[in-house]
């Protein structure tokens, strides 16, 4: 397959590009970097909601994957930052959807990112792809993001949406920040600890996206989460076991809210008990089905890389 990927240089994109190339597929990367012309497999683009010369890369491609978007937790959610988070997703997706719509030979499939934030705060309710959306900031972002992606489906292109949870791997992502307090024997539970954390190992996230690219009829939303979400307290205990550190601290919710504002409520103090019902129904078999399996593999890899 010839696959065009936007957001290919990020934490998820790098892993997906590597896997697809290892499988023997051709991958073209869309980047905002002005030096893109030096590499025939890299095309400069401007994800501003419009279509430019870069759109030629999509014409005749077999698949397009959209992972573009500003980091959610990079800084405090001011009004300007919230607009940046929304625009970076909605406008980039609009550009891709319009380019697909104008292509003489549109791709067979468009896989576009989204997030489990789509569902809002759900307590201990089991959340599947059929669950209704929430009404907080992240839910509104995800709904706008998905609406832009679905506009690409009018000309015969299959559209699949990946509502991604917390992705775990040893070389970056949220785990890089989460493990830091444990390294200094200061790790602990956040808030009540009862909020659910819909995690997935990055290898399985790549596996689900790969399945969606290769399947002939998979469309609509798919939860990019593992089959066994855990509470923050259970995740904390599992991380402590994997790192061989204690988990004695407890950070009150009001402290996190004072430090991070609205972002603390959405990302740390509430969550979703999201399960990958549609991926499981399609027969996807998870390499890491439990949090202990995932973290053991990650920290075993870390130990081997340090020893070598």
C-alpha atoms as a PDB file:
ATOM      1  CA  UNK A   1       0.000   0.000   0.000  1.00  0.00           C
ATOM      2  CA  UNK A   2       0.935   3.625  -0.465  1.00  0.00           C
ATOM      3  CA  UNK A   3      -0.071   5.460   2.702  1.00  0.00           C
ATOM      4  CA  UNK A   4       0.077   9.201   3.360  1.00  0.00           C
ATOM      5  CA  UNK A   5       0.415  10.123   7.044  1.00  0.00           C
ATOM      6  CA  UNK A   6      -0.068  13.525   8.672  1.00  0.00           C
ATOM      7  CA  UNK A   7       1.390  13.829  12.163  1.00  0.00           C
ATOM      8  CA  UNK A   8       3.926  11.118  11.351  1.00  0.00           C
ATOM      9  CA  UNK A   9       6.764  12.580  13.423  1.00  0.00           C
ATOM     10  CA  UNK A  10       4.938  12.357  16.746  1.00  0.00           C
ATOM     11  CA  UNK A  11       4.903   9.680  19.426  1.00  0.00           C
ATOM     12  CA  UNK A  12       2.282   7.587  17.630  1.00  0.00           C
ATOM     13  CA  UNK A  13       3.191   8.494  14.067  1.00  0.00           C
ATOM     14  CA  UNK A  14       6.801   7.357  14.327  1.00  0.00           C
ATOM     15  CA  UNK A  15       5.762   3.902  15.499  1.00  0.00           C
ATOM     16  CA  UNK A  16       3.110   3.564  12.791  1.00  0.00           C
ATOM     17  CA  UNK A  17       5.475   4.671  10.026  1.00  0.00           C
ATOM     18  CA  UNK A  18       8.103   2.188  11.193  1.00  0.00           C
ATOM     19  CA  UNK A  19       5.639  -0.701  11.281  1.00  0.00           C
ATOM     20  CA  UNK A  20       4.151   0.030   7.857  1.00  0.00           C
ATOM     21  CA  UNK A  21       7.591   0.336   6.270  1.00  0.00           C
ATOM     22  CA  UNK A  22       8.701  -2.886   7.945  1.00  0.00           C
ATOM     23  CA  UNK A  23       5.627  -4.506   6.383  1.00  0.00           C
ATOM     24  CA  UNK A  24       6.846  -3.375   2.970  1.00  0.00           C
ATOM     25  CA  UNK A  25       4.401  -0.500   2.406  1.00  0.00           C
ATOM     26  CA  UNK A  26       5.338   2.867   0.921  1.00  0.00           C
ATOM     27  CA  UNK A  27       4.793   5.759   3.345  1.00  0.00           C
ATOM     28  CA  UNK A  28       4.641   9.453   2.461  1.00  0.00           C
ATOM     29  CA  UNK A  29       4.900  11.888   5.367  1.00  0.00           C
ATOM     30  CA  UNK A  30       3.129  15.250   5.411  1.00  0.00           C
ATOM     31  CA  UNK A  31       5.089  17.792   7.441  1.00  0.00           C
ATOM     32  CA  UNK A  32       5.073  21.528   8.051  1.00  0.00           C
ATOM     33  CA  UNK A  33       8.881  21.518   7.920  1.00  0.00           C
ATOM     34  CA  UNK A  34      10.102  23.690   5.041  1.00  0.00           C
ATOM     35  CA  UNK A  35      13.044  21.289   4.477  1.00  0.00           C
ATOM     36  CA  UNK A  36      10.678  18.548   3.342  1.00  0.00           C
ATOM     37  CA  UNK A  37      11.748  18.707  -0.312  1.00  0.00           C
ATOM     38  CA  UNK A  38      15.067  17.001   0.438  1.00  0.00           C
ATOM     39  CA  UNK A  39      13.300  13.668   1.006  1.00  0.00           C
ATOM     40  CA  UNK A  40      11.093  12.208  -1.769  1.00  0.00           C
ATOM     41  CA  UNK A  41       8.945  10.486   0.869  1.00  0.00           C
ATOM     42  CA  UNK A  42       8.237  13.763   2.683  1.00  0.00           C
ATOM     43  CA  UNK A  43       5.889  16.507   1.503  1.00  0.00           C
ATOM     44  CA  UNK A  44       5.481  19.938   3.067  1.00  0.00           C
ATOM     45  CA  UNK A  45       1.911  20.960   3.812  1.00  0.00           C
ATOM     46  CA  UNK A  46      -0.033  23.732   5.540  1.00  0.00           C
ATOM     47  CA  UNK A  47      -2.883  22.308   7.654  1.00  0.00           C
ATOM     48  CA  UNK A  48      -5.027  25.441   7.614  1.00  0.00           C
ATOM     49  CA  UNK A  49      -8.335  24.067   6.395  1.00  0.00           C
ATOM     50  CA  UNK A  50      -7.486  24.698   2.744  1.00  0.00           C
ATOM     51  CA  UNK A  51      -5.998  22.542  -0.032  1.00  0.00           C
ATOM     52  CA  UNK A  52      -2.591  23.242  -1.583  1.00  0.00           C
ATOM     53  CA  UNK A  53      -0.066  21.668  -3.937  1.00  0.00           C
ATOM     54  CA  UNK A  54       0.641  19.049  -1.280  1.00  0.00           C
ATOM     55  CA  UNK A  55      -2.753  17.459  -2.039  1.00  0.00           C
ATOM     56  CA  UNK A  56      -1.217  15.753  -5.081  1.00  0.00           C
ATOM     57  CA  UNK A  57       0.388  13.294  -2.650  1.00  0.00           C
ATOM     58  CA  UNK A  58      -3.082  11.996  -1.754  1.00  0.00           C
ATOM     59  CA  UNK A  59      -4.271  11.484  -5.315  1.00  0.00           C
ATOM     60  CA  UNK A  60      -3.779   7.794  -6.082  1.00  0.00           C
ATOM     61  CA  UNK A  61      -2.735   6.862  -2.541  1.00  0.00           C
ATOM     62  CA  UNK A  62      -4.310   3.735  -1.069  1.00  0.00           C
ATOM     63  CA  UNK A  63      -4.731   5.182   2.413  1.00  0.00           C
ATOM     64  CA  UNK A  64      -4.448   8.395   4.419  1.00  0.00           C
ATOM     65  CA  UNK A  65      -3.859   8.537   8.173  1.00  0.00           C
ATOM     66  CA  UNK A  66      -4.449  11.728  10.141  1.00  0.00           C
ATOM     67  CA  UNK A  67      -2.626  12.094  13.477  1.00  0.00           C
ATOM     68  CA  UNK A  68      -2.101  15.870  13.313  1.00  0.00           C
ATOM     69  CA  UNK A  69      -2.848  18.029  16.334  1.00  0.00           C
ATOM     70  CA  UNK A  70      -1.228  20.136  19.046  1.00  0.00           C
ATOM     71  CA  UNK A  71      -0.403  18.274  22.299  1.00  0.00           C
ATOM     72  CA  UNK A  72      -3.334  18.306  24.717  1.00  0.00           C
ATOM     73  CA  UNK A  73      -1.295  18.649  27.919  1.00  0.00           C
ATOM     74  CA  UNK A  74       1.596  20.829  26.745  1.00  0.00           C
ATOM     75  CA  UNK A  75       0.482  23.875  28.744  1.00  0.00           C
ATOM     76  CA  UNK A  76      -2.325  25.256  30.885  1.00  0.00           C
ATOM     77  CA  UNK A  77      -5.661  25.584  29.108  1.00  0.00           C
ATOM     78  CA  UNK A  78      -6.032  29.291  28.555  1.00  0.00           C
ATOM     79  CA  UNK A  79      -8.689  30.434  26.101  1.00  0.00           C
ATOM     80  CA  UNK A  80      -5.997  30.824  23.430  1.00  0.00           C
ATOM     81  CA  UNK A  81      -4.541  27.366  24.113  1.00  0.00           C
ATOM     82  CA  UNK A  82      -7.951  25.717  23.926  1.00  0.00           C
ATOM     83  CA  UNK A  83      -8.534  27.380  20.561  1.00  0.00           C
ATOM     84  CA  UNK A  84      -5.116  26.147  19.402  1.00  0.00           C
ATOM     85  CA  UNK A  85      -5.967  22.567  20.441  1.00  0.00           C
ATOM     86  CA  UNK A  86      -9.263  22.700  18.544  1.00  0.00           C
ATOM     87  CA  UNK A  87      -7.949  24.437  15.421  1.00  0.00           C
ATOM     88  CA  UNK A  88      -4.900  22.177  15.088  1.00  0.00           C
ATOM     89  CA  UNK A  89      -7.221  19.184  14.809  1.00  0.00           C
ATOM     90  CA  UNK A  90     -10.253  20.539  12.992  1.00  0.00           C
ATOM     91  CA  UNK A  91      -8.364  22.541  10.365  1.00  0.00           C
ATOM     92  CA  UNK A  92      -5.811  19.821   9.605  1.00  0.00           C
ATOM     93  CA  UNK A  93      -8.602  17.274   9.217  1.00  0.00           C
ATOM     94  CA  UNK A  94     -10.610  19.659   7.034  1.00  0.00           C
ATOM     95  CA  UNK A  95      -7.609  20.108   4.731  1.00  0.00           C
ATOM     96  CA  UNK A  96      -7.221  16.354   4.348  1.00  0.00           C
ATOM     97  CA  UNK A  97     -10.931  15.705   3.854  1.00  0.00           C
ATOM     98  CA  UNK A  98     -11.143  18.403   1.174  1.00  0.00           C
ATOM     99  CA  UNK A  99      -8.056  17.029  -0.571  1.00  0.00           C
ATOM    100  CA  UNK A 100      -9.583  13.555  -0.573  1.00  0.00           C
ATOM    101  CA  UNK A 101     -12.841  14.945  -1.940  1.00  0.00           C
ATOM    102  CA  UNK A 102     -11.057  16.660  -4.839  1.00  0.00           C
ATOM    103  CA  UNK A 103      -8.774  13.747  -5.741  1.00  0.00           C
ATOM    104  CA  UNK A 104      -9.337  12.093  -9.128  1.00  0.00           C
ATOM    105  CA  UNK A 105      -8.328   8.792  -7.537  1.00  0.00           C
ATOM    106  CA  UNK A 106      -9.236   9.122  -3.845  1.00  0.00           C
ATOM    107  CA  UNK A 107      -7.804   6.750  -1.248  1.00  0.00           C
ATOM    108  CA  UNK A 108      -9.783   3.673  -0.297  1.00  0.00           C
ATOM    109  CA  UNK A 109      -9.537   4.464   3.417  1.00  0.00           C
ATOM    110  CA  UNK A 110      -9.046   7.500   5.651  1.00  0.00           C
ATOM    111  CA  UNK A 111      -8.113   6.711   9.268  1.00  0.00           C
ATOM    112  CA  UNK A 112      -8.400   9.790  11.444  1.00  0.00           C
ATOM    113  CA  UNK A 113      -7.466  10.330  15.053  1.00  0.00           C
ATOM    114  CA  UNK A 114      -9.840  11.214  17.862  1.00  0.00           C
ATOM    115  CA  UNK A 115      -9.827  10.602  21.610  1.00  0.00           C
ATOM    116  CA  UNK A 116     -11.748   8.896  24.393  1.00  0.00           C
ATOM    117  CA  UNK A 117     -12.351  12.439  25.619  1.00  0.00           C
ATOM    118  CA  UNK A 118     -15.251  12.214  23.160  1.00  0.00           C
ATOM    119  CA  UNK A 119     -17.287  10.554  25.924  1.00  0.00           C
ATOM    120  CA  UNK A 120     -16.641  13.115  28.660  1.00  0.00           C
ATOM    121  CA  UNK A 121     -16.529  12.043  32.309  1.00  0.00           C
ATOM    122  CA  UNK A 122     -18.370   8.703  32.689  1.00  0.00           C
ATOM    123  CA  UNK A 123     -17.556   7.453  36.198  1.00  0.00           C
ATOM    124  CA  UNK A 124     -17.540   3.643  36.290  1.00  0.00           C
ATOM    125  CA  UNK A 125     -19.931   3.246  33.331  1.00  0.00           C
ATOM    126  CA  UNK A 126     -18.590   0.831  30.717  1.00  0.00           C
ATOM    127  CA  UNK A 127     -18.070   2.891  27.561  1.00  0.00           C
ATOM    128  CA  UNK A 128     -18.233   1.445  24.042  1.00  0.00           C
ATOM    129  CA  UNK A 129     -18.267   3.095  20.642  1.00  0.00           C
ATOM    130  CA  UNK A 130     -22.070   3.341  20.904  1.00  0.00           C
ATOM    131  CA  UNK A 131     -21.926   5.535  24.027  1.00  0.00           C
ATOM    132  CA  UNK A 132     -23.185   9.088  23.556  1.00  0.00           C
ATOM    133  CA  UNK A 133     -20.696  12.000  23.554  1.00  0.00           C
ATOM    134  CA  UNK A 134     -19.990  14.162  26.575  1.00  0.00           C
ATOM    135  CA  UNK A 135     -20.308  17.933  26.802  1.00  0.00           C
ATOM    136  CA  UNK A 136     -17.014  19.215  28.196  1.00  0.00           C
ATOM    137  CA  UNK A 137     -14.184  20.860  26.249  1.00  0.00           C
ATOM    138  CA  UNK A 138     -12.444  17.675  25.084  1.00  0.00           C
ATOM    139  CA  UNK A 139     -15.747  16.092  24.095  1.00  0.00           C
ATOM    140  CA  UNK A 140     -16.548  19.126  21.956  1.00  0.00           C
ATOM    141  CA  UNK A 141     -13.081  19.016  20.368  1.00  0.00           C
ATOM    142  CA  UNK A 142     -13.457  15.328  19.509  1.00  0.00           C
ATOM    143  CA  UNK A 143     -16.916  15.827  18.035  1.00  0.00           C
ATOM    144  CA  UNK A 144     -15.705  18.678  15.808  1.00  0.00           C
ATOM    145  CA  UNK A 145     -12.623  16.648  14.848  1.00  0.00           C
ATOM    146  CA  UNK A 146     -14.687  13.607  13.871  1.00  0.00           C
ATOM    147  CA  UNK A 147     -17.239  15.672  11.945  1.00  0.00           C
ATOM    148  CA  UNK A 148     -14.451  17.076   9.757  1.00  0.00           C
ATOM    149  CA  UNK A 149     -13.119  13.558   9.132  1.00  0.00           C
ATOM    150  CA  UNK A 150     -16.492  12.116   8.178  1.00  0.00           C
ATOM    151  CA  UNK A 151     -16.778  14.717   5.409  1.00  0.00           C
ATOM    152  CA  UNK A 152     -14.146  12.681   3.525  1.00  0.00           C
ATOM    153  CA  UNK A 153     -16.521   9.756   3.124  1.00  0.00           C
ATOM    154  CA  UNK A 154     -18.725  11.119   0.368  1.00  0.00           C
ATOM    155  CA  UNK A 155     -16.730   9.838  -2.627  1.00  0.00           C
ATOM    156  CA  UNK A 156     -16.287   6.184  -1.777  1.00  0.00           C
ATOM    157  CA  UNK A 157     -13.505   6.578   0.776  1.00  0.00           C
ATOM    158  CA  UNK A 158     -14.007   4.477   3.888  1.00  0.00           C
ATOM    159  CA  UNK A 159     -13.561   6.584   7.055  1.00  0.00           C
ATOM    160  CA  UNK A 160     -12.470   5.055  10.375  1.00  0.00           C
ATOM    161  CA  UNK A 161     -12.036   7.053  13.585  1.00  0.00           C
ATOM    162  CA  UNK A 162      -9.654   5.983  16.359  1.00  0.00           C
ATOM    163  CA  UNK A 163     -10.714   7.276  19.775  1.00  0.00           C
ATOM    164  CA  UNK A 164      -7.366   6.919  21.476  1.00  0.00           C
ATOM    165  CA  UNK A 165      -6.838   6.554  25.215  1.00  0.00           C
ATOM    166  CA  UNK A 166      -3.621   6.825  27.223  1.00  0.00           C
ATOM    167  CA  UNK A 167      -0.931   5.242  25.030  1.00  0.00           C
ATOM    168  CA  UNK A 168       1.962   3.593  26.864  1.00  0.00           C
ATOM    169  CA  UNK A 169       5.475   2.989  25.535  1.00  0.00           C
ATOM    170  CA  UNK A 170       8.965   3.284  26.897  1.00  0.00           C
ATOM    171  CA  UNK A 171      10.179   6.100  24.631  1.00  0.00           C
ATOM    172  CA  UNK A 172       7.932   9.055  25.331  1.00  0.00           C
ATOM    173  CA  UNK A 173       4.258   9.848  25.663  1.00  0.00           C
ATOM    174  CA  UNK A 174       2.413  10.458  28.917  1.00  0.00           C
ATOM    175  CA  UNK A 175       4.266   7.663  30.730  1.00  0.00           C
ATOM    176  CA  UNK A 176       7.441   9.741  30.546  1.00  0.00           C
ATOM    177  CA  UNK A 177       5.831  12.285  32.889  1.00  0.00           C
ATOM    178  CA  UNK A 178       3.879   9.794  34.966  1.00  0.00           C
ATOM    179  CA  UNK A 179       6.892   7.702  35.963  1.00  0.00           C
ATOM    180  CA  UNK A 180       9.064  10.661  37.009  1.00  0.00           C
ATOM    181  CA  UNK A 181       7.719  11.007  40.598  1.00  0.00           C
ATOM    182  CA  UNK A 182       8.146   7.262  41.150  1.00  0.00           C
ATOM    183  CA  UNK A 183      11.813   7.514  40.194  1.00  0.00           C
ATOM    184  CA  UNK A 184      12.197   9.858  43.182  1.00  0.00           C
ATOM    185  CA  UNK A 185      10.056   7.701  45.498  1.00  0.00           C
ATOM    186  CA  UNK A 186       7.242  10.279  45.352  1.00  0.00           C
ATOM    187  CA  UNK A 187       4.657   8.497  43.203  1.00  0.00           C
ATOM    188  CA  UNK A 188       1.086   8.148  44.307  1.00  0.00           C
ATOM    189  CA  UNK A 189      -2.633   8.203  43.624  1.00  0.00           C
ATOM    190  CA  UNK A 190      -4.244  11.266  42.022  1.00  0.00           C
ATOM    191  CA  UNK A 191      -7.423  12.599  43.587  1.00  0.00           C
ATOM    192  CA  UNK A 192      -9.856   9.901  44.718  1.00  0.00           C
ATOM    193  CA  UNK A 193      -8.076   7.254  42.621  1.00  0.00           C
ATOM    194  CA  UNK A 194     -11.477   5.911  41.530  1.00  0.00           C
ATOM    195  CA  UNK A 195     -11.401   7.589  38.107  1.00  0.00           C
ATOM    196  CA  UNK A 196     -10.878   5.167  35.222  1.00  0.00           C
ATOM    197  CA  UNK A 197      -7.856   5.302  32.961  1.00  0.00           C
ATOM    198  CA  UNK A 198      -8.405   3.834  29.460  1.00  0.00           C
ATOM    199  CA  UNK A 199      -4.851   2.796  28.556  1.00  0.00           C
ATOM    200  CA  UNK A 200      -3.337   0.923  25.605  1.00  0.00           C
ATOM    201  CA  UNK A 201       0.183  -0.241  24.783  1.00  0.00           C
ATOM    202  CA  UNK A 202       1.488   1.525  21.696  1.00  0.00           C
ATOM    203  CA  UNK A 203       2.134  -1.766  19.905  1.00  0.00           C
ATOM    204  CA  UNK A 204      -1.572  -2.597  20.185  1.00  0.00           C
ATOM    205  CA  UNK A 205      -2.602   0.908  19.122  1.00  0.00           C
ATOM    206  CA  UNK A 206      -0.487   0.443  15.967  1.00  0.00           C
ATOM    207  CA  UNK A 207      -2.017  -3.002  15.548  1.00  0.00           C
ATOM    208  CA  UNK A 208      -5.558  -1.618  15.591  1.00  0.00           C
ATOM    209  CA  UNK A 209      -4.721   1.127  13.074  1.00  0.00           C
ATOM    210  CA  UNK A 210      -3.004  -1.440  10.852  1.00  0.00           C
ATOM    211  CA  UNK A 211      -6.118  -3.619  11.008  1.00  0.00           C
ATOM    212  CA  UNK A 212      -8.319  -0.654  10.021  1.00  0.00           C
ATOM    213  CA  UNK A 213      -6.070   0.152   7.061  1.00  0.00           C
ATOM    214  CA  UNK A 214      -6.113  -3.405   5.737  1.00  0.00           C
ATOM    215  CA  UNK A 215      -9.733  -4.272   6.438  1.00  0.00           C
ATOM    216  CA  UNK A 216     -12.085  -3.877   3.518  1.00  0.00           C
ATOM    217  CA  UNK A 217     -15.130  -2.637   5.407  1.00  0.00           C
ATOM    218  CA  UNK A 218     -14.208  -1.271   8.858  1.00  0.00           C
ATOM    219  CA  UNK A 219     -15.599   2.238   9.234  1.00  0.00           C
ATOM    220  CA  UNK A 220     -16.853   4.596  11.915  1.00  0.00           C
ATOM    221  CA  UNK A 221     -15.486   4.906  15.469  1.00  0.00           C
ATOM    222  CA  UNK A 222     -13.130   2.455  17.163  1.00  0.00           C
ATOM    223  CA  UNK A 223     -11.896   2.826  20.722  1.00  0.00           C
ATOM    224  CA  UNK A 224      -8.106   2.776  20.663  1.00  0.00           C
ATOM    225  CA  UNK A 225      -7.897   1.384  24.189  1.00  0.00           C
ATOM    226  CA  UNK A 226      -6.938  -1.860  25.837  1.00  0.00           C
ATOM    227  CA  UNK A 227      -9.559  -4.439  26.886  1.00  0.00           C
ATOM    228  CA  UNK A 228      -9.079  -3.914  30.640  1.00  0.00           C
ATOM    229  CA  UNK A 229      -9.225  -0.259  31.745  1.00  0.00           C
ATOM    230  CA  UNK A 230      -8.159   0.329  35.345  1.00  0.00           C
ATOM    231  CA  UNK A 231      -8.753   2.969  37.970  1.00  0.00           C
ATOM    232  CA  UNK A 232      -6.061   5.519  38.705  1.00  0.00           C
ATOM    233  CA  UNK A 233      -5.369   3.747  41.979  1.00  0.00           C
ATOM    234  CA  UNK A 234      -4.887   0.377  40.288  1.00  0.00           C
ATOM    235  CA  UNK A 235      -2.728   1.943  37.587  1.00  0.00           C
ATOM    236  CA  UNK A 236      -0.606   3.621  40.250  1.00  0.00           C
ATOM    237  CA  UNK A 237      -0.063   0.323  42.078  1.00  0.00           C
ATOM    238  CA  UNK A 238       0.822  -1.428  38.809  1.00  0.00           C
ATOM    239  CA  UNK A 239       3.313   1.284  37.857  1.00  0.00           C
ATOM    240  CA  UNK A 240       4.891   1.110  41.299  1.00  0.00           C
ATOM    241  CA  UNK A 241       5.280  -2.677  40.958  1.00  0.00           C
ATOM    242  CA  UNK A 242       6.808  -2.372  37.507  1.00  0.00           C
ATOM    243  CA  UNK A 243       9.284   0.278  38.676  1.00  0.00           C
ATOM    244  CA  UNK A 244       9.912  -1.426  42.038  1.00  0.00           C
ATOM    245  CA  UNK A 245       9.050   1.737  43.874  1.00  0.00           C
ATOM    246  CA  UNK A 246       6.549   2.533  46.626  1.00  0.00           C
ATOM    247  CA  UNK A 247       3.303   4.390  45.923  1.00  0.00           C
ATOM    248  CA  UNK A 248       2.724   6.066  49.259  1.00  0.00           C
ATOM    249  CA  UNK A 249       1.696   9.555  48.215  1.00  0.00           C
ATOM    250  CA  UNK A 250      -1.792  10.845  47.432  1.00  0.00           C
ATOM    251  CA  UNK A 251      -2.201  14.123  45.579  1.00  0.00           C
ATOM    252  CA  UNK A 252      -5.517  15.816  46.480  1.00  0.00           C
ATOM    253  CA  UNK A 253      -7.701  16.962  43.616  1.00  0.00           C
ATOM    254  CA  UNK A 254      -7.689  20.583  44.759  1.00  0.00           C
ATOM    255  CA  UNK A 255      -3.891  20.681  44.500  1.00  0.00           C
ATOM    256  CA  UNK A 256      -4.003  19.469  40.896  1.00  0.00           C
ATOM    257  CA  UNK A 257      -6.768  21.938  40.042  1.00  0.00           C
ATOM    258  CA  UNK A 258      -4.790  24.798  41.544  1.00  0.00           C
ATOM    259  CA  UNK A 259      -1.715  23.822  39.529  1.00  0.00           C
ATOM    260  CA  UNK A 260      -3.334  22.883  36.214  1.00  0.00           C
ATOM    261  CA  UNK A 261      -6.801  24.400  36.193  1.00  0.00           C
ATOM    262  CA  UNK A 262      -9.486  22.892  33.950  1.00  0.00           C
ATOM    263  CA  UNK A 263      -6.984  20.471  32.412  1.00  0.00           C
ATOM    264  CA  UNK A 264      -6.623  18.641  35.749  1.00  0.00           C
ATOM    265  CA  UNK A 265     -10.340  17.857  35.865  1.00  0.00           C
ATOM    266  CA  UNK A 266     -10.504  16.532  32.300  1.00  0.00           C
ATOM    267  CA  UNK A 267      -7.219  14.624  32.124  1.00  0.00           C
ATOM    268  CA  UNK A 268      -6.411  13.531  35.666  1.00  0.00           C
ATOM    269  CA  UNK A 269      -9.433  13.575  37.972  1.00  0.00           C
ATOM    270  CA  UNK A 270     -12.087  12.087  35.702  1.00  0.00           C
ATOM    271  CA  UNK A 271     -11.953   9.440  33.006  1.00  0.00           C
ATOM    272  CA  UNK A 272     -13.687   6.814  30.918  1.00  0.00           C
ATOM    273  CA  UNK A 273     -14.001   3.080  31.422  1.00  0.00           C
ATOM    274  CA  UNK A 274     -13.669   2.692  27.661  1.00  0.00           C
ATOM    275  CA  UNK A 275     -13.361  -0.755  26.084  1.00  0.00           C
ATOM    276  CA  UNK A 276     -12.470  -1.609  22.440  1.00  0.00           C
ATOM    277  CA  UNK A 277     -15.728  -3.386  21.685  1.00  0.00           C
ATOM    278  CA  UNK A 278     -15.532  -3.002  17.903  1.00  0.00           C
ATOM    279  CA  UNK A 279     -11.866  -4.031  17.593  1.00  0.00           C
ATOM    280  CA  UNK A 280     -12.584  -7.137  19.685  1.00  0.00           C
ATOM    281  CA  UNK A 281     -15.643  -7.918  17.560  1.00  0.00           C
ATOM    282  CA  UNK A 282     -13.415  -7.780  14.464  1.00  0.00           C
ATOM    283  CA  UNK A 283     -11.133 -10.352  16.065  1.00  0.00           C
ATOM    284  CA  UNK A 284      -8.225  -8.156  17.111  1.00  0.00           C
ATOM    285  CA  UNK A 285      -6.045 -10.020  19.626  1.00  0.00           C
ATOM    286  CA  UNK A 286      -4.225  -7.791  22.078  1.00  0.00           C
ATOM    287  CA  UNK A 287      -0.556  -8.424  22.741  1.00  0.00           C
ATOM    288  CA  UNK A 288      -0.922  -6.673  26.108  1.00  0.00           C
ATOM    289  CA  UNK A 289      -4.357  -7.328  27.578  1.00  0.00           C
ATOM    290  CA  UNK A 290      -3.617  -6.257  31.167  1.00  0.00           C
ATOM    291  CA  UNK A 291      -1.839  -3.263  32.631  1.00  0.00           C
ATOM    292  CA  UNK A 292       0.689  -5.480  34.408  1.00  0.00           C
ATOM    293  CA  UNK A 293       1.624  -7.176  31.121  1.00  0.00           C
ATOM    294  CA  UNK A 294       2.037  -3.834  29.373  1.00  0.00           C
ATOM    295  CA  UNK A 295       4.124  -2.183  32.067  1.00  0.00           C
ATOM    296  CA  UNK A 296       6.266  -5.287  32.613  1.00  0.00           C
ATOM    297  CA  UNK A 297       7.145  -5.310  28.904  1.00  0.00           C
ATOM    298  CA  UNK A 298       7.878  -1.576  28.871  1.00  0.00           C
ATOM    299  CA  UNK A 299      10.161  -1.604  31.879  1.00  0.00           C
ATOM    300  CA  UNK A 300      11.860  -4.845  30.830  1.00  0.00           C
ATOM    301  CA  UNK A 301      12.681  -3.099  27.534  1.00  0.00           C
ATOM    302  CA  UNK A 302      13.979  -0.096  29.445  1.00  0.00           C
ATOM    303  CA  UNK A 303      16.193  -2.282  31.603  1.00  0.00           C
ATOM    304  CA  UNK A 304      17.605  -4.123  28.560  1.00  0.00           C
ATOM    305  CA  UNK A 305      18.337  -0.870  26.719  1.00  0.00           C
ATOM    306  CA  UNK A 306      20.193   0.528  29.736  1.00  0.00           C
ATOM    307  CA  UNK A 307      22.214  -2.665  30.268  1.00  0.00           C
ATOM    308  CA  UNK A 308      23.267  -2.741  26.604  1.00  0.00           C
END
